PDB file of N, CA and C in Angstrom:
ATOM      1  N   MET A   1       0.298   9.195  24.962  1.00  0.00           N
ATOM      2  CA  MET A   1       1.362   8.307  23.198  1.00  0.00           C
ATOM      3  C   MET A   1       0.616   9.430  22.204  1.00  0.00           C
ATOM      4  N   GLN A   2       1.799   9.524  21.228  1.00  0.00           N
ATOM      5  CA  GLN A   2       0.869   9.968  20.084  1.00  0.00           C
ATOM      6  C   GLN A   2       0.469   8.430  19.236  1.00  0.00           C
ATOM      7  N   LYS A   3      -0.579   8.861  18.566  1.00  0.00           N
ATOM      8  CA  LYS A   3      -0.790   8.074  17.579  1.00  0.00           C
ATOM      9  C   LYS A   3       0.311   7.730  16.555  1.00  0.00           C
ATOM     10  N   PRO A   4       0.195   6.546  15.514  1.00  0.00           N
ATOM     11  CA  PRO A   4       1.101   6.553  14.652  1.00  0.00           C
ATOM     12  C   PRO A   4       0.802   6.951  13.390  1.00  0.00           C
ATOM     13  N   TRP A   5       1.517   7.704  12.958  1.00  0.00           N
ATOM     14  CA  TRP A   5       0.553   8.466  11.579  1.00  0.00           C
ATOM     15  C   TRP A   5      -0.161   7.470  10.721  1.00  0.00           C
ATOM     16  N   VAL A   6       0.166   6.061  10.220  1.00  0.00           N
ATOM     17  CA  VAL A   6      -0.937   5.421   9.630  1.00  0.00           C
ATOM     18  C   VAL A   6      -2.117   5.116  10.137  1.00  0.00           C
ATOM     19  N   THR A   7      -2.196   5.595  11.363  1.00  0.00           N
ATOM     20  CA  THR A   7      -3.762   5.591  12.078  1.00  0.00           C
ATOM     21  C   THR A   7      -4.352   6.798  12.112  1.00  0.00           C
ATOM     22  N   CYS A   8      -4.108   7.719  11.548  1.00  0.00           N
ATOM     23  CA  CYS A   8      -4.600   9.158  11.081  1.00  0.00           C
ATOM     24  C   CYS A   8      -4.723   9.866   9.342  1.00  0.00           C
ATOM     25  N   VAL A   9      -4.588   8.883   8.629  1.00  0.00           N
ATOM     26  CA  VAL A   9      -4.069   9.037   7.589  1.00  0.00           C
ATOM     27  C   VAL A   9      -5.599   8.241   7.079  1.00  0.00           C
ATOM     28  N   GLY A  10      -6.463   8.958   6.266  1.00  0.00           N
ATOM     29  CA  GLY A  10      -7.437   8.703   6.126  1.00  0.00           C
ATOM     30  C   GLY A  10      -8.341   8.874   4.499  1.00  0.00           C
ATOM     31  N   GLY A  11      -9.020   8.419   3.775  1.00  0.00           N
ATOM     32  CA  GLY A  11      -9.857   9.045   2.976  1.00  0.00           C
ATOM     33  C   GLY A  11      -9.087   9.191   1.856  1.00  0.00           C
ATOM     34  N   GLU A  12      -9.033   9.921   0.853  1.00  0.00           N
ATOM     35  CA  GLU A  12      -7.988  10.167  -0.556  1.00  0.00           C
ATOM     36  C   GLU A  12      -6.396   9.865  -0.857  1.00  0.00           C
ATOM     37  N   ARG A  13      -6.028  10.853   0.909  1.00  0.00           N
ATOM     38  CA  ARG A  13      -4.907  10.768   1.251  1.00  0.00           C
ATOM     39  C   ARG A  13      -4.177   9.296   1.394  1.00  0.00           C
ATOM     40  N   ALA A  14      -5.029   8.466   2.516  1.00  0.00           N
ATOM     41  CA  ALA A  14      -4.769   6.683   2.464  1.00  0.00           C
ATOM     42  C   ALA A  14      -4.728   6.256   0.828  1.00  0.00           C
ATOM     43  N   ARG A  15      -5.458   6.967   0.105  1.00  0.00           N
ATOM     44  CA  ARG A  15      -5.628   6.064  -1.336  1.00  0.00           C
ATOM     45  C   ARG A  15      -4.058   5.924  -2.060  1.00  0.00           C
ATOM     46  N   ASN A  16      -4.039   7.704  -1.997  1.00  0.00           N
ATOM     47  CA  ASN A  16      -2.809   7.923  -2.248  1.00  0.00           C
ATOM     48  C   ASN A  16      -1.208   7.651  -1.568  1.00  0.00           C
ATOM     49  N   TYR A  17      -1.379   7.106  -0.537  1.00  0.00           N
ATOM     50  CA  TYR A  17      -0.259   6.345  -0.071  1.00  0.00           C
ATOM     51  C   TYR A  17       0.447   5.180  -0.439  1.00  0.00           C
ATOM     52  N   ILE A  18      -1.357   4.633  -0.604  1.00  0.00           N
ATOM     53  CA  ILE A  18      -1.235   3.052  -1.063  1.00  0.00           C
ATOM     54  C   ILE A  18      -0.436   2.859  -2.720  1.00  0.00           C
ATOM     55  N   LEU A  19      -1.198   4.068  -3.366  1.00  0.00           N
ATOM     56  CA  LEU A  19      -0.400   4.209  -4.984  1.00  0.00           C
ATOM     57  C   LEU A  19       0.655   4.421  -4.285  1.00  0.00           C
ATOM     58  N   ARG A  20       1.358   5.049  -4.147  1.00  0.00           N
ATOM     59  CA  ARG A  20       2.907   5.676  -3.473  1.00  0.00           C
ATOM     60  C   ARG A  20       3.660   4.282  -3.206  1.00  0.00           C
ATOM     61  N   LEU A  21       3.140   3.419  -2.665  1.00  0.00           N
ATOM     62  CA  LEU A  21       3.753   2.418  -1.755  1.00  0.00           C
ATOM     63  C   LEU A  21       4.115   1.228  -3.164  1.00  0.00           C
ATOM     64  N   PHE A  22       2.911   0.780  -3.955  1.00  0.00           N
ATOM     65  CA  PHE A  22       2.941  -0.433  -5.038  1.00  0.00           C
ATOM     66  C   PHE A  22       3.880   0.628  -6.083  1.00  0.00           C
ATOM     67  N   TRP A  23       4.064   2.261  -6.032  1.00  0.00           N
ATOM     68  CA  TRP A  23       4.614   2.485  -7.355  1.00  0.00           C
ATOM     69  C   TRP A  23       6.095   2.080  -7.225  1.00  0.00           C
ATOM     70  N   HIS A  24       6.317   2.254  -5.532  1.00  0.00           N
ATOM     71  CA  HIS A  24       8.185   1.820  -5.129  1.00  0.00           C
ATOM     72  C   HIS A  24       8.095   0.343  -5.556  1.00  0.00           C
ATOM     73  N   LEU A  25       7.651  -0.328  -5.765  1.00  0.00           N
ATOM     74  CA  LEU A  25       7.433  -1.662  -5.682  1.00  0.00           C
ATOM     75  C   LEU A  25       8.067  -2.411  -7.014  1.00  0.00           C
ATOM     76  N   SER A  26       7.547  -0.899  -7.681  1.00  0.00           N
ATOM     77  CA  SER A  26       7.463  -1.476  -9.100  1.00  0.00           C
ATOM     78  C   SER A  26       9.006  -1.603  -9.985  1.00  0.00           C
ATOM     79  N   ASP A  27       9.059  -2.160 -10.706  1.00  0.00           N
ATOM     80  CA  ASP A  27      10.596  -1.724 -11.645  1.00  0.00           C
ATOM     81  C   ASP A  27      10.242  -0.746 -12.146  1.00  0.00           C
ATOM     82  N   GLU A  28       9.938   0.506 -12.679  1.00  0.00           N
ATOM     83  CA  GLU A  28       9.549   1.290 -13.128  1.00  0.00           C
ATOM     84  C   GLU A  28      10.408   2.403 -12.050  1.00  0.00           C
ATOM     85  N   SER A  29       9.706   2.256 -10.800  1.00  0.00           N
ATOM     86  CA  SER A  29      10.156   3.269  -9.631  1.00  0.00           C
ATOM     87  C   SER A  29      12.216   2.998  -9.651  1.00  0.00           C
ATOM     88  N   GLY A  30      12.782   2.320  -9.944  1.00  0.00           N
ATOM     89  CA  GLY A  30      14.025   1.958  -9.286  1.00  0.00           C
ATOM     90  C   GLY A  30      14.292   1.946  -7.902  1.00  0.00           C
ATOM     91  N   ALA A  31      13.509   1.681  -7.519  1.00  0.00           N
ATOM     92  CA  ALA A  31      13.591   1.666  -5.746  1.00  0.00           C
ATOM     93  C   ALA A  31      12.961   0.227  -5.378  1.00  0.00           C
ATOM     94  N   TYR A  32      13.658  -0.049  -3.831  1.00  0.00           N
ATOM     95  CA  TYR A  32      13.321  -1.081  -3.545  1.00  0.00           C
ATOM     96  C   TYR A  32      12.928  -0.776  -2.274  1.00  0.00           C
ATOM     97  N   CYS A  33      11.698  -0.736  -1.965  1.00  0.00           N
ATOM     98  CA  CYS A  33      11.337   0.026  -0.604  1.00  0.00           C
ATOM     99  C   CYS A  33      10.649  -1.666   0.194  1.00  0.00           C
ATOM    100  N   ILE A  34      11.503  -1.839   1.005  1.00  0.00           N
ATOM    101  CA  ILE A  34      11.103  -3.439   2.137  1.00  0.00           C
ATOM    102  C   ILE A  34      10.257  -3.305   2.709  1.00  0.00           C
ATOM    103  N   GLY A  35      10.211  -2.352   3.161  1.00  0.00           N
ATOM    104  CA  GLY A  35       8.548  -1.919   4.273  1.00  0.00           C
ATOM    105  C   GLY A  35       7.304  -1.441   3.463  1.00  0.00           C
ATOM    106  N   ALA A  36       7.371  -1.615   2.285  1.00  0.00           N
ATOM    107  CA  ALA A  36       6.066  -1.311   1.535  1.00  0.00           C
ATOM    108  C   ALA A  36       5.187  -2.005   1.551  1.00  0.00           C
ATOM    109  N   PRO A  37       5.506  -3.502   1.420  1.00  0.00           N
ATOM    110  CA  PRO A  37       4.104  -4.021   1.645  1.00  0.00           C
ATOM    111  C   PRO A  37       3.346  -4.086   2.996  1.00  0.00           C
ATOM    112  N   LEU A  38       4.040  -3.983   4.345  1.00  0.00           N
ATOM    113  CA  LEU A  38       3.842  -3.660   5.702  1.00  0.00           C
ATOM    114  C   LEU A  38       3.067  -2.690   5.545  1.00  0.00           C
ATOM    115  N   GLY A  39       3.747  -1.141   4.749  1.00  0.00           N
ATOM    116  CA  GLY A  39       2.901  -0.055   4.936  1.00  0.00           C
ATOM    117  C   GLY A  39       1.365  -0.200   4.446  1.00  0.00           C
ATOM    118  N   ILE A  40       1.241  -0.650   3.086  1.00  0.00           N
ATOM    119  CA  ILE A  40      -0.059  -0.894   2.402  1.00  0.00           C
ATOM    120  C   ILE A  40      -0.894  -2.131   3.525  1.00  0.00           C
ATOM    121  N   ALA A  41      -0.423  -2.539   3.826  1.00  0.00           N
ATOM    122  CA  ALA A  41      -1.285  -3.491   5.117  1.00  0.00           C
ATOM    123  C   ALA A  41      -1.861  -2.821   6.209  1.00  0.00           C
ATOM    124  N   GLU A  42      -0.854  -1.883   6.524  1.00  0.00           N
ATOM    125  CA  GLU A  42      -1.060  -1.298   7.554  1.00  0.00           C
ATOM    126  C   GLU A  42      -2.032  -0.023   7.087  1.00  0.00           C
ATOM    127  N   ILE A  43      -2.298   0.557   6.332  1.00  0.00           N
ATOM    128  CA  ILE A  43      -3.033   1.727   5.892  1.00  0.00           C
ATOM    129  C   ILE A  43      -4.286   0.992   5.195  1.00  0.00           C
ATOM    130  N   GLY A  44      -4.328  -0.241   5.298  1.00  0.00           N
ATOM    131  CA  GLY A  44      -5.755  -0.829   4.713  1.00  0.00           C
ATOM    132  C   GLY A  44      -6.379  -1.681   5.299  1.00  0.00           C
ATOM    133  N   ARG A  45      -5.603  -1.672   6.814  1.00  0.00           N
ATOM    134  CA  ARG A  45      -6.119  -1.974   8.275  1.00  0.00           C
ATOM    135  C   ARG A  45      -6.670  -1.085   8.590  1.00  0.00           C
ATOM    136  N   ASN A  46      -6.297   0.066   8.404  1.00  0.00           N
ATOM    137  CA  ASN A  46      -6.773   1.134   9.870  1.00  0.00           C
ATOM    138  C   ASN A  46      -8.063   1.661   8.279  1.00  0.00           C
ATOM    139  N   ASN A  47      -7.841   1.698   6.742  1.00  0.00           N
ATOM    140  CA  ASN A  47      -9.078   2.416   5.994  1.00  0.00           C
ATOM    141  C   ASN A  47      -9.545   1.060   4.890  1.00  0.00           C
ATOM    142  N   PRO A  48     -10.356   0.352   5.719  1.00  0.00           N
ATOM    143  CA  PRO A  48     -10.925  -0.927   4.936  1.00  0.00           C
ATOM    144  C   PRO A  48     -11.586  -0.308   3.979  1.00  0.00           C
ATOM    145  N   GLU A  49     -12.419   0.516   3.627  1.00  0.00           N
ATOM    146  CA  GLU A  49     -13.306   1.041   2.647  1.00  0.00           C
ATOM    147  C   GLU A  49     -11.918   1.616   1.334  1.00  0.00           C
ATOM    148  N   GLU A  50     -11.245   2.199   1.929  1.00  0.00           N
ATOM    149  CA  GLU A  50     -10.127   2.616   0.682  1.00  0.00           C
ATOM    150  C   GLU A  50      -9.196   1.491   0.183  1.00  0.00           C
ATOM    151  N   PHE A  51      -8.909   0.712   0.569  1.00  0.00           N
ATOM    152  CA  PHE A  51      -8.084  -0.454   0.491  1.00  0.00           C
ATOM    153  C   PHE A  51      -9.163  -1.945  -0.204  1.00  0.00           C
ATOM    154  N   GLU A  52     -10.378  -1.625  -0.332  1.00  0.00           N
ATOM    155  CA  GLU A  52     -11.534  -2.353  -0.996  1.00  0.00           C
ATOM    156  C   GLU A  52     -10.948  -2.785  -2.180  1.00  0.00           C
ATOM    157  N   GLY A  53     -10.454  -1.200  -3.136  1.00  0.00           N
ATOM    158  CA  GLY A  53      -9.773  -1.404  -4.574  1.00  0.00           C
ATOM    159  C   GLY A  53      -8.304  -2.545  -4.812  1.00  0.00           C
ATOM    160  N   PHE A  54      -8.193  -1.960  -3.792  1.00  0.00           N
ATOM    161  CA  PHE A  54      -5.984  -2.811  -3.806  1.00  0.00           C
ATOM    162  C   PHE A  54      -6.210  -4.444  -3.353  1.00  0.00           C
ATOM    163  N   LYS A  55      -7.437  -4.559  -2.496  1.00  0.00           N
ATOM    164  CA  LYS A  55      -7.033  -6.096  -2.291  1.00  0.00           C
ATOM    165  C   LYS A  55      -6.440  -6.944  -3.654  1.00  0.00           C
ATOM    166  N   ASN A  56      -6.969  -7.662  -4.780  1.00  0.00           N
ATOM    167  CA  ASN A  56      -6.460  -8.030  -5.279  1.00  0.00           C
ATOM    168  C   ASN A  56      -5.118  -8.272  -5.588  1.00  0.00           C
ATOM    169  N   LYS A  57      -4.974  -6.939  -5.817  1.00  0.00           N
ATOM    170  CA  LYS A  57      -3.113  -6.184  -6.252  1.00  0.00           C
ATOM    171  C   LYS A  57      -2.544  -6.698  -4.904  1.00  0.00           C
ATOM    172  N   TYR A  58      -2.722  -6.617  -4.222  1.00  0.00           N
ATOM    173  CA  TYR A  58      -2.271  -7.001  -2.374  1.00  0.00           C
ATOM    174  C   TYR A  58      -2.390  -8.746  -2.258  1.00  0.00           C
ATOM    175  N   VAL A  59      -3.022  -8.875  -2.860  1.00  0.00           N
ATOM    176  CA  VAL A  59      -2.559 -10.499  -2.666  1.00  0.00           C
ATOM    177  C   VAL A  59      -1.737 -11.407  -3.696  1.00  0.00           C
ATOM    178  N   SER A  60      -1.868 -10.731  -4.955  1.00  0.00           N
ATOM    179  CA  SER A  60      -0.869 -10.901  -5.678  1.00  0.00           C
ATOM    180  C   SER A  60       0.449 -10.653  -5.761  1.00  0.00           C
ATOM    181  N   LEU A  61       0.533  -9.061  -5.419  1.00  0.00           N
ATOM    182  CA  LEU A  61       1.877  -9.272  -4.202  1.00  0.00           C
ATOM    183  C   LEU A  61       2.560 -10.637  -3.335  1.00  0.00           C
ATOM    184  N   THR A  62       1.665 -10.477  -2.118  1.00  0.00           N
ATOM    185  CA  THR A  62       2.234 -11.538  -1.572  1.00  0.00           C
ATOM    186  C   THR A  62       2.046 -12.752  -2.007  1.00  0.00           C
ATOM    187  N   THR A  63       1.474 -13.281  -3.009  1.00  0.00           N
ATOM    188  CA  THR A  63       1.703 -14.967  -3.478  1.00  0.00           C
ATOM    189  C   THR A  63       2.633 -14.399  -4.673  1.00  0.00           C
ATOM    190  N   GLY A  64       3.554 -13.302  -4.810  1.00  0.00           N
ATOM    191  CA  GLY A  64       4.377 -13.556  -6.092  1.00  0.00           C
ATOM    192  C   GLY A  64       4.230 -13.092  -7.658  1.00  0.00           C
ATOM    193  N   ARG A  65       2.244 -13.286  -7.531  1.00  0.00           N
ATOM    194  CA  ARG A  65       2.425 -13.247  -9.248  1.00  0.00           C
ATOM    195  C   ARG A  65       1.892 -11.445  -9.214  1.00  0.00           C
ATOM    196  N   TRP A  66       2.090 -10.478  -8.721  1.00  0.00           N
ATOM    197  CA  TRP A  66       2.127  -8.990  -8.904  1.00  0.00           C
ATOM    198  C   TRP A  66       3.600  -8.502  -9.830  1.00  0.00           C
ATOM    199  N   ARG A  67       3.695  -8.088 -10.722  1.00  0.00           N
ATOM    200  CA  ARG A  67       4.713  -7.814 -12.007  1.00  0.00           C
ATOM    201  C   ARG A  67       4.785  -6.220 -11.930  1.00  0.00           C
ATOM    202  N   GLY A  68       4.186  -5.424 -11.064  1.00  0.00           N
ATOM    203  CA  GLY A  68       4.475  -3.959 -11.742  1.00  0.00           C
ATOM    204  C   GLY A  68       3.262  -3.407 -12.043  1.00  0.00           C
ATOM    205  N   SER A  69       2.933  -3.763 -12.449  1.00  0.00           N
ATOM    206  CA  SER A  69       1.415  -3.329 -13.763  1.00  0.00           C
ATOM    207  C   SER A  69       0.649  -2.724 -12.668  1.00  0.00           C
ATOM    208  N   MET A  70       0.274  -1.260 -13.371  1.00  0.00           N
ATOM    209  CA  MET A  70      -1.022  -0.475 -12.789  1.00  0.00           C
ATOM    210  C   MET A  70      -2.236  -0.841 -13.462  1.00  0.00           C
TER     211      MET A  70
END
């Protein structure tokens, strides 16, 4: 059985994926990505060292206080 792609992503690549998913959640992107929070959480769970800098932004997202500013 093959591992999910999210468990194979690490380092700078994981950070870039997280940034892209946050971008898709912002008003400026013009997109609505319903799965972005779950993707961010999964990447963060598998890459805690890369996710460290995004914890506050993610908590704000889940509590409704994040407004898309990077």
